[in-house]
């Protein structure tokens, strides 16, 4: 999911108009294409780094992973909402983006649980 966010941000950087000329154009009612690009790139690439360095970030790994997963979930939720408003029939890709939202929320839960586990591996 981090790679997908980073990839979306990179695509919006290379082709800024791609969002406006797609079924996701209603996302621009909430934020500009440039803002979404920055959110996706910053969240995606920092999340990749956080996941790579997770073992070295003992105190901050869980909260950072949880925060970035939450932001990712908000981005995917915007995509679901945008796809629901594209015509008389809902897009068949709505379940894909909804699965990403659910996956991100599971990541938030697991990151929160990981940050509360003590040194002996038990939850206090």
PDB file of N, CA and C in Angstrom:
ATOM      1  N   UNK A   1       0.830  -1.182   0.000  1.00  0.00           N
ATOM      2  CA  UNK A   1       0.000   0.000   0.000  1.00  0.00           C
ATOM      3  C   UNK A   1       0.881   1.254   0.000  1.00  0.00           C
ATOM      4  N   UNK A   2       2.036   1.160   0.653  1.00  0.00           N
ATOM      5  CA  UNK A   2       2.969   2.291   0.641  1.00  0.00           C
ATOM      6  C   UNK A   2       3.489   2.531  -0.772  1.00  0.00           C
ATOM      7  N   UNK A   3       3.779   1.446  -1.486  1.00  0.00           N
ATOM      8  CA  UNK A   3       4.232   1.588  -2.872  1.00  0.00           C
ATOM      9  C   UNK A   3       3.142   2.183  -3.753  1.00  0.00           C
ATOM     10  N   UNK A   4       1.899   1.798  -3.511  1.00  0.00           N
ATOM     11  CA  UNK A   4       0.794   2.348  -4.298  1.00  0.00           C
ATOM     12  C   UNK A   4       0.648   3.845  -4.050  1.00  0.00           C
ATOM     13  N   UNK A   5       0.781   4.276  -2.802  1.00  0.00           N
ATOM     14  CA  UNK A   5       0.709   5.712  -2.497  1.00  0.00           C
ATOM     15  C   UNK A   5       1.850   6.466  -3.160  1.00  0.00           C
ATOM     16  N   UNK A   6       3.064   5.921  -3.035  1.00  0.00           N
ATOM     17  CA  UNK A   6       4.223   6.564  -3.648  1.00  0.00           C
ATOM     18  C   UNK A   6       4.066   6.603  -5.168  1.00  0.00           C
ATOM     19  N   UNK A   7       3.556   5.527  -5.741  1.00  0.00           N
ATOM     20  CA  UNK A   7       3.343   5.489  -7.183  1.00  0.00           C
ATOM     21  C   UNK A   7       2.302   6.485  -7.648  1.00  0.00           C
ATOM     22  N   UNK A   8       1.213   6.619  -6.884  1.00  0.00           N
ATOM     23  CA  UNK A   8       0.182   7.597  -7.232  1.00  0.00           C
ATOM     24  C   UNK A   8       0.751   9.012  -7.161  1.00  0.00           C
ATOM     25  N   UNK A   9       1.517   9.293  -6.117  1.00  0.00           N
ATOM     26  CA  UNK A   9       2.139  10.613  -5.997  1.00  0.00           C
ATOM     27  C   UNK A   9       3.092  10.899  -7.136  1.00  0.00           C
ATOM     28  N   UNK A  10       3.873   9.897  -7.524  1.00  0.00           N
ATOM     29  CA  UNK A  10       4.823  10.067  -8.635  1.00  0.00           C
ATOM     30  C   UNK A  10       4.076  10.289  -9.943  1.00  0.00           C
ATOM     31  N   UNK A  11       3.002   9.542 -10.170  1.00  0.00           N
ATOM     32  CA  UNK A  11       2.212   9.740 -11.392  1.00  0.00           C
ATOM     33  C   UNK A  11       1.643  11.155 -11.447  1.00  0.00           C
ATOM     34  N   UNK A  12       1.128  11.639 -10.312  1.00  0.00           N
ATOM     35  CA  UNK A  12       0.562  12.989 -10.294  1.00  0.00           C
ATOM     36  C   UNK A  12       1.640  14.051 -10.480  1.00  0.00           C
ATOM     37  N   UNK A  13       2.871  13.749 -10.088  1.00  0.00           N
ATOM     38  CA  UNK A  13       3.969  14.684 -10.318  1.00  0.00           C
ATOM     39  C   UNK A  13       4.325  14.730 -11.814  1.00  0.00           C
ATOM     40  N   UNK A  14       4.373  13.551 -12.435  1.00  0.00           N
ATOM     41  CA  UNK A  14       4.746  13.485 -13.851  1.00  0.00           C
ATOM     42  C   UNK A  14       3.616  13.939 -14.775  1.00  0.00           C
ATOM     43  N   UNK A  15       2.385  13.598 -14.434  1.00  0.00           N
ATOM     44  CA  UNK A  15       1.213  13.946 -15.236  1.00  0.00           C
ATOM     45  C   UNK A  15       0.154  14.575 -14.334  1.00  0.00           C
ATOM     46  N   UNK A  16       0.279  15.858 -14.008  1.00  0.00           N
ATOM     47  CA  UNK A  16      -0.644  16.496 -13.064  1.00  0.00           C
ATOM     48  C   UNK A  16      -2.104  16.458 -13.513  1.00  0.00           C
ATOM     49  N   UNK A  17      -2.361  16.407 -14.790  1.00  0.00           N
ATOM     50  CA  UNK A  17      -3.733  16.404 -15.280  1.00  0.00           C
ATOM     51  C   UNK A  17      -4.406  15.046 -15.261  1.00  0.00           C
ATOM     52  N   UNK A  18      -3.655  14.000 -14.906  1.00  0.00           N
ATOM     53  CA  UNK A  18      -4.235  12.653 -14.957  1.00  0.00           C
ATOM     54  C   UNK A  18      -5.397  12.483 -13.983  1.00  0.00           C
ATOM     55  N   UNK A  19      -5.382  13.191 -12.877  1.00  0.00           N
ATOM     56  CA  UNK A  19      -6.486  13.096 -11.919  1.00  0.00           C
ATOM     57  C   UNK A  19      -7.743  13.764 -12.475  1.00  0.00           C
ATOM     58  N   UNK A  20      -7.573  14.900 -13.126  1.00  0.00           N
ATOM     59  CA  UNK A  20      -8.715  15.632 -13.666  1.00  0.00           C
ATOM     60  C   UNK A  20      -9.391  14.908 -14.821  1.00  0.00           C
ATOM     61  N   UNK A  21      -8.626  14.085 -15.536  1.00  0.00           N
ATOM     62  CA  UNK A  21      -9.154  13.385 -16.711  1.00  0.00           C
ATOM     63  C   UNK A  21      -9.463  11.928 -16.403  1.00  0.00           C
ATOM     64  N   UNK A  22      -9.827  11.650 -15.171  1.00  0.00           N
ATOM     65  CA  UNK A  22     -10.142  10.276 -14.782  1.00  0.00           C
ATOM     66  C   UNK A  22     -11.456  10.257 -14.001  1.00  0.00           C
ATOM     67  N   UNK A  23     -11.842   9.090 -13.581  1.00  0.00           N
ATOM     68  CA  UNK A  23     -13.068   8.972 -12.780  1.00  0.00           C
ATOM     69  C   UNK A  23     -12.869   9.507 -11.367  1.00  0.00           C
ATOM     70  N   UNK A  24     -11.619   9.863 -11.023  1.00  0.00           N
ATOM     71  CA  UNK A  24     -11.314  10.403  -9.700  1.00  0.00           C
ATOM     72  C   UNK A  24     -11.341  11.926  -9.673  1.00  0.00           C
ATOM     73  N   UNK A  25     -11.872  12.536 -10.706  1.00  0.00           N
ATOM     74  CA  UNK A  25     -11.830  14.000 -10.794  1.00  0.00           C
ATOM     75  C   UNK A  25     -12.571  14.682  -9.647  1.00  0.00           C
ATOM     76  N   UNK A  26     -13.557  14.011  -9.045  1.00  0.00           N
ATOM     77  CA  UNK A  26     -14.284  14.641  -7.938  1.00  0.00           C
ATOM     78  C   UNK A  26     -13.433  14.774  -6.677  1.00  0.00           C
ATOM     79  N   UNK A  27     -12.292  14.092  -6.624  1.00  0.00           N
ATOM     80  CA  UNK A  27     -11.371  14.255  -5.493  1.00  0.00           C
ATOM     81  C   UNK A  27     -10.883  15.698  -5.429  1.00  0.00           C
ATOM     82  N   UNK A  28     -10.814  16.352  -6.584  1.00  0.00           N
ATOM     83  CA  UNK A  28     -10.322  17.732  -6.612  1.00  0.00           C
ATOM     84  C   UNK A  28     -11.287  18.718  -5.956  1.00  0.00           C
ATOM     85  N   UNK A  29     -12.478  18.264  -5.604  1.00  0.00           N
ATOM     86  CA  UNK A  29     -13.374  19.127  -4.831  1.00  0.00           C
ATOM     87  C   UNK A  29     -12.850  19.296  -3.409  1.00  0.00           C
ATOM     88  N   UNK A  30     -12.133  18.285  -2.916  1.00  0.00           N
ATOM     89  CA  UNK A  30     -11.595  18.317  -1.556  1.00  0.00           C
ATOM     90  C   UNK A  30     -10.184  18.899  -1.499  1.00  0.00           C
ATOM     91  N   UNK A  31      -9.371  18.580  -2.504  1.00  0.00           N
ATOM     92  CA  UNK A  31      -7.996  19.078  -2.539  1.00  0.00           C
ATOM     93  C   UNK A  31      -7.513  19.126  -3.978  1.00  0.00           C
ATOM     94  N   UNK A  32      -6.516  19.958  -4.218  1.00  0.00           N
ATOM     95  CA  UNK A  32      -5.982  20.073  -5.570  1.00  0.00           C
ATOM     96  C   UNK A  32      -5.146  18.845  -5.904  1.00  0.00           C
ATOM     97  N   UNK A  33      -4.889  18.671  -7.172  1.00  0.00           N
ATOM     98  CA  UNK A  33      -4.054  17.568  -7.624  1.00  0.00           C
ATOM     99  C   UNK A  33      -2.652  17.681  -7.029  1.00  0.00           C
ATOM    100  N   UNK A  34      -2.154  18.903  -6.908  1.00  0.00           N
ATOM    101  CA  UNK A  34      -0.816  19.129  -6.349  1.00  0.00           C
ATOM    102  C   UNK A  34      -0.778  18.744  -4.868  1.00  0.00           C
ATOM    103  N   UNK A  35      -1.846  19.076  -4.133  1.00  0.00           N
ATOM    104  CA  UNK A  35      -1.901  18.717  -2.718  1.00  0.00           C
ATOM    105  C   UNK A  35      -1.952  17.207  -2.552  1.00  0.00           C
ATOM    106  N   UNK A  36      -2.779  16.532  -3.350  1.00  0.00           N
ATOM    107  CA  UNK A  36      -2.857  15.081  -3.280  1.00  0.00           C
ATOM    108  C   UNK A  36      -1.514  14.460  -3.649  1.00  0.00           C
ATOM    109  N   UNK A  37      -0.835  15.034  -4.638  1.00  0.00           N
ATOM    110  CA  UNK A  37       0.486  14.541  -5.021  1.00  0.00           C
ATOM    111  C   UNK A  37       1.446  14.607  -3.842  1.00  0.00           C
ATOM    112  N   UNK A  38       1.471  15.738  -3.141  1.00  0.00           N
ATOM    113  CA  UNK A  38       2.386  15.898  -2.008  1.00  0.00           C
ATOM    114  C   UNK A  38       2.020  14.944  -0.870  1.00  0.00           C
ATOM    115  N   UNK A  39       0.733  14.805  -0.584  1.00  0.00           N
ATOM    116  CA  UNK A  39       0.310  13.887   0.478  1.00  0.00           C
ATOM    117  C   UNK A  39       0.724  12.464   0.134  1.00  0.00           C
ATOM    118  N   UNK A  40       0.465  12.040  -1.099  1.00  0.00           N
ATOM    119  CA  UNK A  40       0.794  10.672  -1.507  1.00  0.00           C
ATOM    120  C   UNK A  40       2.300  10.439  -1.526  1.00  0.00           C
ATOM    121  N   UNK A  41       3.054  11.380  -2.064  1.00  0.00           N
ATOM    122  CA  UNK A  41       4.503  11.196  -2.129  1.00  0.00           C
ATOM    123  C   UNK A  41       5.123  11.208  -0.740  1.00  0.00           C
ATOM    124  N   UNK A  42       4.763  12.179   0.078  1.00  0.00           N
ATOM    125  CA  UNK A  42       5.340  12.266   1.425  1.00  0.00           C
ATOM    126  C   UNK A  42       4.950  11.049   2.263  1.00  0.00           C
ATOM    127  N   UNK A  43       3.679  10.684   2.227  1.00  0.00           N
ATOM    128  CA  UNK A  43       3.222   9.544   3.014  1.00  0.00           C
ATOM    129  C   UNK A  43       3.795   8.240   2.469  1.00  0.00           C
ATOM    130  N   UNK A  44       3.738   8.058   1.167  1.00  0.00           N
ATOM    131  CA  UNK A  44       4.202   6.809   0.566  1.00  0.00           C
ATOM    132  C   UNK A  44       5.685   6.570   0.758  1.00  0.00           C
ATOM    133  N   UNK A  45       6.510   7.556   0.391  1.00  0.00           N
ATOM    134  CA  UNK A  45       7.952   7.361   0.492  1.00  0.00           C
ATOM    135  C   UNK A  45       8.429   7.337   1.945  1.00  0.00           C
ATOM    136  N   UNK A  46       7.842   8.155   2.816  1.00  0.00           N
ATOM    137  CA  UNK A  46       8.247   8.100   4.222  1.00  0.00           C
ATOM    138  C   UNK A  46       7.802   6.787   4.848  1.00  0.00           C
ATOM    139  N   UNK A  47       6.662   6.282   4.439  1.00  0.00           N
ATOM    140  CA  UNK A  47       6.194   5.007   4.967  1.00  0.00           C
ATOM    141  C   UNK A  47       7.096   3.863   4.541  1.00  0.00           C
ATOM    142  N   UNK A  48       7.568   3.903   3.312  1.00  0.00           N
ATOM    143  CA  UNK A  48       8.520   2.886   2.856  1.00  0.00           C
ATOM    144  C   UNK A  48       9.774   2.928   3.726  1.00  0.00           C
ATOM    145  N   UNK A  49      10.271   4.118   3.995  1.00  0.00           N
ATOM    146  CA  UNK A  49      11.448   4.277   4.848  1.00  0.00           C
ATOM    147  C   UNK A  49      11.167   3.806   6.272  1.00  0.00           C
ATOM    148  N   UNK A  50      10.011   4.160   6.810  1.00  0.00           N
ATOM    149  CA  UNK A  50       9.636   3.740   8.172  1.00  0.00           C
ATOM    150  C   UNK A  50       9.551   2.217   8.255  1.00  0.00           C
ATOM    151  N   UNK A  51       8.943   1.590   7.257  1.00  0.00           N
ATOM    152  CA  UNK A  51       8.838   0.133   7.264  1.00  0.00           C
ATOM    153  C   UNK A  51      10.210  -0.523   7.135  1.00  0.00           C
ATOM    154  N   UNK A  52      11.086   0.089   6.353  1.00  0.00           N
ATOM    155  CA  UNK A  52      12.442  -0.440   6.173  1.00  0.00           C
ATOM    156  C   UNK A  52      13.248  -0.329   7.454  1.00  0.00           C
ATOM    157  N   UNK A  53      13.096   0.775   8.173  1.00  0.00           N
ATOM    158  CA  UNK A  53      13.861   1.043   9.395  1.00  0.00           C
ATOM    159  C   UNK A  53      13.089   0.706  10.671  1.00  0.00           C
ATOM    160  N   UNK A  54      12.012  -0.043  10.586  1.00  0.00           N
ATOM    161  CA  UNK A  54      11.128  -0.263  11.724  1.00  0.00           C
ATOM    162  C   UNK A  54      11.868  -0.816  12.944  1.00  0.00           C
ATOM    163  N   UNK A  55      12.757  -1.769  12.763  1.00  0.00           N
ATOM    164  CA  UNK A  55      13.464  -2.358  13.894  1.00  0.00           C
ATOM    165  C   UNK A  55      14.354  -1.362  14.613  1.00  0.00           C
ATOM    166  N   UNK A  56      14.893  -0.393  13.884  1.00  0.00           N
ATOM    167  CA  UNK A  56      15.773   0.607  14.493  1.00  0.00           C
ATOM    168  C   UNK A  56      14.980   1.722  15.170  1.00  0.00           C
ATOM    169  N   UNK A  57      13.696   1.811  14.898  1.00  0.00           N
ATOM    170  CA  UNK A  57      12.846   2.857  15.476  1.00  0.00           C
ATOM    171  C   UNK A  57      11.989   2.276  16.594  1.00  0.00           C
ATOM    172  N   UNK A  58      12.630   1.765  17.614  1.00  0.00           N
ATOM    173  CA  UNK A  58      11.909   1.018  18.651  1.00  0.00           C
ATOM    174  C   UNK A  58      10.760   1.797  19.274  1.00  0.00           C
ATOM    175  N   UNK A  59      10.992   3.013  19.718  1.00  0.00           N
ATOM    176  CA  UNK A  59       9.936   3.791  20.371  1.00  0.00           C
ATOM    177  C   UNK A  59       8.950   4.389  19.382  1.00  0.00           C
ATOM    178  N   UNK A  60       9.443   4.797  18.236  1.00  0.00           N
ATOM    179  CA  UNK A  60       8.620   5.573  17.320  1.00  0.00           C
ATOM    180  C   UNK A  60       8.100   4.777  16.136  1.00  0.00           C
ATOM    181  N   UNK A  61       8.576   3.542  15.947  1.00  0.00           N
ATOM    182  CA  UNK A  61       8.166   2.748  14.786  1.00  0.00           C
ATOM    183  C   UNK A  61       6.673   2.527  14.706  1.00  0.00           C
ATOM    184  N   UNK A  62       6.070   2.065  15.796  1.00  0.00           N
ATOM    185  CA  UNK A  62       4.633   1.788  15.812  1.00  0.00           C
ATOM    186  C   UNK A  62       3.788   3.021  15.566  1.00  0.00           C
ATOM    187  N   UNK A  63       4.005   4.108  16.320  1.00  0.00           N
ATOM    188  CA  UNK A  63       3.207   5.311  16.083  1.00  0.00           C
ATOM    189  C   UNK A  63       3.393   5.903  14.686  1.00  0.00           C
ATOM    190  N   UNK A  64       4.613   5.872  14.160  1.00  0.00           N
ATOM    191  CA  UNK A  64       4.838   6.400  12.806  1.00  0.00           C
ATOM    192  C   UNK A  64       4.141   5.532  11.767  1.00  0.00           C
ATOM    193  N   UNK A  65       4.229   4.214  11.929  1.00  0.00           N
ATOM    194  CA  UNK A  65       3.539   3.316  11.005  1.00  0.00           C
ATOM    195  C   UNK A  65       2.035   3.517  11.082  1.00  0.00           C
ATOM    196  N   UNK A  66       1.511   3.673  12.282  1.00  0.00           N
ATOM    197  CA  UNK A  66       0.075   3.883  12.451  1.00  0.00           C
ATOM    198  C   UNK A  66      -0.404   5.180  11.827  1.00  0.00           C
ATOM    199  N   UNK A  67       0.355   6.256  12.033  1.00  0.00           N
ATOM    200  CA  UNK A  67      -0.033   7.557  11.475  1.00  0.00           C
ATOM    201  C   UNK A  67       0.000   7.525   9.945  1.00  0.00           C
ATOM    202  N   UNK A  68       1.036   6.920   9.379  1.00  0.00           N
ATOM    203  CA  UNK A  68       1.116   6.882   7.919  1.00  0.00           C
ATOM    204  C   UNK A  68       0.043   5.965   7.333  1.00  0.00           C
ATOM    205  N   UNK A  69      -0.298   4.883   8.027  1.00  0.00           N
ATOM    206  CA  UNK A  69      -1.378   4.003   7.553  1.00  0.00           C
ATOM    207  C   UNK A  69      -2.721   4.728   7.626  1.00  0.00           C
ATOM    208  N   UNK A  70      -2.926   5.522   8.659  1.00  0.00           N
ATOM    209  CA  UNK A  70      -4.172   6.281   8.782  1.00  0.00           C
ATOM    210  C   UNK A  70      -4.315   7.282   7.633  1.00  0.00           C
ATOM    211  N   UNK A  71      -3.241   8.003   7.318  1.00  0.00           N
ATOM    212  CA  UNK A  71      -3.275   8.959   6.201  1.00  0.00           C
ATOM    213  C   UNK A  71      -3.522   8.217   4.892  1.00  0.00           C
ATOM    214  N   UNK A  72      -2.871   7.079   4.713  1.00  0.00           N
ATOM    215  CA  UNK A  72      -3.111   6.266   3.516  1.00  0.00           C
ATOM    216  C   UNK A  72      -4.560   5.836   3.413  1.00  0.00           C
ATOM    217  N   UNK A  73      -5.150   5.444   4.542  1.00  0.00           N
ATOM    218  CA  UNK A  73      -6.558   5.055   4.550  1.00  0.00           C
ATOM    219  C   UNK A  73      -7.470   6.193   4.135  1.00  0.00           C
ATOM    220  N   UNK A  74      -7.131   7.413   4.563  1.00  0.00           N
ATOM    221  CA  UNK A  74      -7.933   8.578   4.157  1.00  0.00           C
ATOM    222  C   UNK A  74      -7.839   8.823   2.653  1.00  0.00           C
ATOM    223  N   UNK A  75      -6.649   8.641   2.083  1.00  0.00           N
ATOM    224  CA  UNK A  75      -6.482   8.822   0.631  1.00  0.00           C
ATOM    225  C   UNK A  75      -7.330   7.798  -0.115  1.00  0.00           C
ATOM    226  N   UNK A  76      -7.247   6.525   0.303  1.00  0.00           N
ATOM    227  CA  UNK A  76      -8.016   5.488  -0.394  1.00  0.00           C
ATOM    228  C   UNK A  76      -9.512   5.692  -0.209  1.00  0.00           C
ATOM    229  N   UNK A  77      -9.920   6.185   0.970  1.00  0.00           N
ATOM    230  CA  UNK A  77     -11.338   6.463   1.198  1.00  0.00           C
ATOM    231  C   UNK A  77     -11.838   7.561   0.260  1.00  0.00           C
ATOM    232  N   UNK A  78     -11.012   8.563   0.000  1.00  0.00           N
ATOM    233  CA  UNK A  78     -11.387   9.602  -0.970  1.00  0.00           C
ATOM    234  C   UNK A  78     -11.617   8.994  -2.345  1.00  0.00           C
ATOM    235  N   UNK A  79     -10.780   8.016  -2.699  1.00  0.00           N
ATOM    236  CA  UNK A  79     -10.938   7.370  -4.001  1.00  0.00           C
ATOM    237  C   UNK A  79     -12.260   6.599  -4.064  1.00  0.00           C
ATOM    238  N   UNK A  80     -12.623   5.937  -2.970  1.00  0.00           N
ATOM    239  CA  UNK A  80     -13.903   5.215  -2.930  1.00  0.00           C
ATOM    240  C   UNK A  80     -15.057   6.188  -3.117  1.00  0.00           C
ATOM    241  N   UNK A  81     -15.029   7.294  -2.387  1.00  0.00           N
ATOM    242  CA  UNK A  81     -16.098   8.294  -2.483  1.00  0.00           C
ATOM    243  C   UNK A  81     -16.173   8.869  -3.892  1.00  0.00           C
ATOM    244  N   UNK A  82     -15.004   9.138  -4.485  1.00  0.00           N
ATOM    245  CA  UNK A  82     -14.984   9.679  -5.849  1.00  0.00           C
ATOM    246  C   UNK A  82     -15.589   8.688  -6.836  1.00  0.00           C
ATOM    247  N   UNK A  83     -15.301   7.410  -6.683  1.00  0.00           N
ATOM    248  CA  UNK A  83     -15.826   6.410  -7.607  1.00  0.00           C
ATOM    249  C   UNK A  83     -17.326   6.187  -7.430  1.00  0.00           C
ATOM    250  N   UNK A  84     -17.845   6.457  -6.249  1.00  0.00           N
ATOM    251  CA  UNK A  84     -19.288   6.294  -6.038  1.00  0.00           C
ATOM    252  C   UNK A  84     -20.072   7.416  -6.701  1.00  0.00           C
ATOM    253  N   UNK A  85     -19.424   8.523  -7.034  1.00  0.00           N
ATOM    254  CA  UNK A  85     -20.103   9.682  -7.614  1.00  0.00           C
ATOM    255  C   UNK A  85     -19.788   9.867  -9.090  1.00  0.00           C
ATOM    256  N   UNK A  86     -19.558   8.780  -9.821  1.00  0.00           N
ATOM    257  CA  UNK A  86     -19.141   8.937 -11.212  1.00  0.00           C
ATOM    258  C   UNK A  86     -20.215   8.631 -12.235  1.00  0.00           C
ATOM    259  N   UNK A  87     -21.370   8.212 -11.823  1.00  0.00           N
ATOM    260  CA  UNK A  87     -22.391   7.929 -12.815  1.00  0.00           C
ATOM    261  C   UNK A  87     -23.548   7.146 -12.227  1.00  0.00           C
ATOM    262  N   UNK A  88     -24.407   6.675 -13.096  1.00  0.00           N
ATOM    263  CA  UNK A  88     -25.600   5.965 -12.613  1.00  0.00           C
ATOM    264  C   UNK A  88     -25.272   4.591 -12.013  1.00  0.00           C
ATOM    265  N   UNK A  89     -24.161   4.000 -12.424  1.00  0.00           N
ATOM    266  CA  UNK A  89     -23.771   2.680 -11.930  1.00  0.00           C
ATOM    267  C   UNK A  89     -22.420   2.808 -11.229  1.00  0.00           C
ATOM    268  N   UNK A  90     -22.280   2.269 -10.024  1.00  0.00           N
ATOM    269  CA  UNK A  90     -20.996   2.364  -9.325  1.00  0.00           C
ATOM    270  C   UNK A  90     -19.879   1.650 -10.082  1.00  0.00           C
ATOM    271  N   UNK A  91     -18.681   2.154  -9.926  1.00  0.00           N
ATOM    272  CA  UNK A  91     -17.513   1.569 -10.581  1.00  0.00           C
ATOM    273  C   UNK A  91     -17.202   0.193  -9.996  1.00  0.00           C
ATOM    274  N   UNK A  92     -16.771  -0.748 -10.828  1.00  0.00           N
ATOM    275  CA  UNK A  92     -16.424  -2.075 -10.303  1.00  0.00           C
ATOM    276  C   UNK A  92     -15.124  -2.084  -9.503  1.00  0.00           C
ATOM    277  N   UNK A  93     -14.377  -0.994  -9.490  1.00  0.00           N
ATOM    278  CA  UNK A  93     -13.131  -0.947  -8.722  1.00  0.00           C
ATOM    279  C   UNK A  93     -13.330  -0.427  -7.298  1.00  0.00           C
ATOM    280  N   UNK A  94     -14.559  -0.099  -6.934  1.00  0.00           N
ATOM    281  CA  UNK A  94     -14.828   0.363  -5.567  1.00  0.00           C
ATOM    282  C   UNK A  94     -14.395  -0.678  -4.534  1.00  0.00           C
ATOM    283  N   UNK A  95     -14.692  -1.965  -4.714  1.00  0.00           N
ATOM    284  CA  UNK A  95     -14.250  -2.937  -3.707  1.00  0.00           C
ATOM    285  C   UNK A  95     -12.727  -3.012  -3.556  1.00  0.00           C
ATOM    286  N   UNK A  96     -11.995  -2.744  -4.633  1.00  0.00           N
ATOM    287  CA  UNK A  96     -10.530  -2.760  -4.548  1.00  0.00           C
ATOM    288  C   UNK A  96     -10.050  -1.659  -3.617  1.00  0.00           C
ATOM    289  N   UNK A  97     -10.537  -0.445  -3.828  1.00  0.00           N
ATOM    290  CA  UNK A  97     -10.116   0.667  -2.977  1.00  0.00           C
ATOM    291  C   UNK A  97     -10.672   0.530  -1.563  1.00  0.00           C
ATOM    292  N   UNK A  98     -11.845  -0.056  -1.431  1.00  0.00           N
ATOM    293  CA  UNK A  98     -12.397  -0.310  -0.098  1.00  0.00           C
ATOM    294  C   UNK A  98     -11.538  -1.331   0.650  1.00  0.00           C
ATOM    295  N   UNK A  99     -11.018  -2.318  -0.064  1.00  0.00           N
ATOM    296  CA  UNK A  99     -10.102  -3.289   0.552  1.00  0.00           C
ATOM    297  C   UNK A  99      -8.823  -2.599   1.012  1.00  0.00           C
ATOM    298  N   UNK A 100      -8.356  -1.611   0.253  1.00  0.00           N
ATOM    299  CA  UNK A 100      -7.184  -0.852   0.678  1.00  0.00           C
ATOM    300  C   UNK A 100      -7.470  -0.062   1.956  1.00  0.00           C
ATOM    301  N   UNK A 101      -8.663   0.523   2.044  1.00  0.00           N
ATOM    302  CA  UNK A 101      -9.053   1.252   3.264  1.00  0.00           C
ATOM    303  C   UNK A 101      -9.054   0.297   4.459  1.00  0.00           C
ATOM    304  N   UNK A 102      -9.662  -0.871   4.287  1.00  0.00           N
ATOM    305  CA  UNK A 102      -9.728  -1.849   5.376  1.00  0.00           C
ATOM    306  C   UNK A 102      -8.328  -2.327   5.748  1.00  0.00           C
ATOM    307  N   UNK A 103      -7.497  -2.577   4.747  1.00  0.00           N
ATOM    308  CA  UNK A 103      -6.118  -2.987   5.009  1.00  0.00           C
ATOM    309  C   UNK A 103      -5.338  -1.939   5.784  1.00  0.00           C
ATOM    310  N   UNK A 104      -5.553  -0.677   5.433  1.00  0.00           N
ATOM    311  CA  UNK A 104      -4.876   0.401   6.156  1.00  0.00           C
ATOM    312  C   UNK A 104      -5.356   0.481   7.597  1.00  0.00           C
ATOM    313  N   UNK A 105      -6.645   0.290   7.827  1.00  0.00           N
ATOM    314  CA  UNK A 105      -7.157   0.341   9.195  1.00  0.00           C
ATOM    315  C   UNK A 105      -6.631  -0.835  10.026  1.00  0.00           C
ATOM    316  N   UNK A 106      -6.462  -1.987   9.398  1.00  0.00           N
ATOM    317  CA  UNK A 106      -5.841  -3.120  10.090  1.00  0.00           C
ATOM    318  C   UNK A 106      -4.390  -2.765  10.438  1.00  0.00           C
ATOM    319  N   UNK A 107      -3.699  -2.086   9.519  1.00  0.00           N
ATOM    320  CA  UNK A 107      -2.327  -1.658   9.790  1.00  0.00           C
ATOM    321  C   UNK A 107      -2.269  -0.673  10.946  1.00  0.00           C
ATOM    322  N   UNK A 108      -3.239   0.235  11.012  1.00  0.00           N
ATOM    323  CA  UNK A 108      -3.293   1.186  12.131  1.00  0.00           C
ATOM    324  C   UNK A 108      -3.450   0.427  13.441  1.00  0.00           C
ATOM    325  N   UNK A 109      -4.365  -0.543  13.468  1.00  0.00           N
ATOM    326  CA  UNK A 109      -4.602  -1.338  14.676  1.00  0.00           C
ATOM    327  C   UNK A 109      -3.341  -2.103  15.079  1.00  0.00           C
ATOM    328  N   UNK A 110      -2.702  -2.761  14.119  1.00  0.00           N
ATOM    329  CA  UNK A 110      -1.505  -3.546  14.427  1.00  0.00           C
ATOM    330  C   UNK A 110      -0.353  -2.670  14.868  1.00  0.00           C
ATOM    331  N   UNK A 111      -0.199  -1.506  14.245  1.00  0.00           N
ATOM    332  CA  UNK A 111       0.876  -0.601  14.654  1.00  0.00           C
ATOM    333  C   UNK A 111       0.632  -0.092  16.067  1.00  0.00           C
ATOM    334  N   UNK A 112      -0.630   0.184  16.389  1.00  0.00           N
ATOM    335  CA  UNK A 112      -0.960   0.610  17.750  1.00  0.00           C
ATOM    336  C   UNK A 112      -0.696  -0.486  18.758  1.00  0.00           C
ATOM    337  N   UNK A 113      -1.010  -1.698  18.386  1.00  0.00           N
ATOM    338  CA  UNK A 113      -0.753  -2.832  19.269  1.00  0.00           C
ATOM    339  C   UNK A 113       0.741  -3.070  19.432  1.00  0.00           C
ATOM    340  N   UNK A 114       1.493  -2.934  18.350  1.00  0.00           N
ATOM    341  CA  UNK A 114       2.946  -3.123  18.418  1.00  0.00           C
ATOM    342  C   UNK A 114       3.606  -2.081  19.304  1.00  0.00           C
ATOM    343  N   UNK A 115       3.058  -0.860  19.323  1.00  0.00           N
ATOM    344  CA  UNK A 115       3.680   0.195  20.121  1.00  0.00           C
ATOM    345  C   UNK A 115       3.379   0.037  21.608  1.00  0.00           C
ATOM    346  N   UNK A 116       2.395  -0.813  21.969  1.00  0.00           N
ATOM    347  CA  UNK A 116       2.091  -1.022  23.382  1.00  0.00           C
ATOM    348  C   UNK A 116       2.706  -2.295  23.930  1.00  0.00           C
ATOM    349  N   UNK A 117       3.370  -3.085  23.098  1.00  0.00           N
ATOM    350  CA  UNK A 117       3.984  -4.319  23.559  1.00  0.00           C
ATOM    351  C   UNK A 117       5.268  -3.979  24.279  1.00  0.00           C
ATOM    352  N   UNK A 118       5.449  -4.558  25.462  1.00  0.00           N
ATOM    353  CA  UNK A 118       6.645  -4.300  26.273  1.00  0.00           C
ATOM    354  C   UNK A 118       7.853  -5.051  25.754  1.00  0.00           C
ATOM    355  N   UNK A 119       8.973  -4.904  26.459  1.00  0.00           N
ATOM    356  CA  UNK A 119      10.213  -5.548  26.037  1.00  0.00           C
ATOM    357  C   UNK A 119      10.135  -7.066  26.095  1.00  0.00           C
ATOM    358  N   UNK A 120       9.318  -7.609  26.996  1.00  0.00           N
ATOM    359  CA  UNK A 120       9.200  -9.060  27.121  1.00  0.00           C
ATOM    360  C   UNK A 120       8.186  -9.640  26.131  1.00  0.00           C
ATOM    361  N   UNK A 121       7.635  -8.794  25.244  1.00  0.00           N
ATOM    362  CA  UNK A 121       6.688  -9.268  24.238  1.00  0.00           C
ATOM    363  C   UNK A 121       5.255  -9.332  24.718  1.00  0.00           C
ATOM    364  N   UNK A 122       4.980  -8.845  25.910  1.00  0.00           N
ATOM    365  CA  UNK A 122       3.628  -8.874  26.449  1.00  0.00           C
ATOM    366  C   UNK A 122       3.010  -7.478  26.462  1.00  0.00           C
ATOM    367  N   UNK A 123       1.719  -7.447  26.278  1.00  0.00           N
ATOM    368  CA  UNK A 123       1.013  -6.169  26.340  1.00  0.00           C
ATOM    369  C   UNK A 123       0.823  -5.822  27.809  1.00  0.00           C
ATOM    370  N   UNK A 124       1.261  -4.626  28.225  1.00  0.00           N
ATOM    371  CA  UNK A 124       1.133  -4.241  29.651  1.00  0.00           C
ATOM    372  C   UNK A 124      -0.304  -4.085  30.087  1.00  0.00           C
TER     373      UNK A 124
END
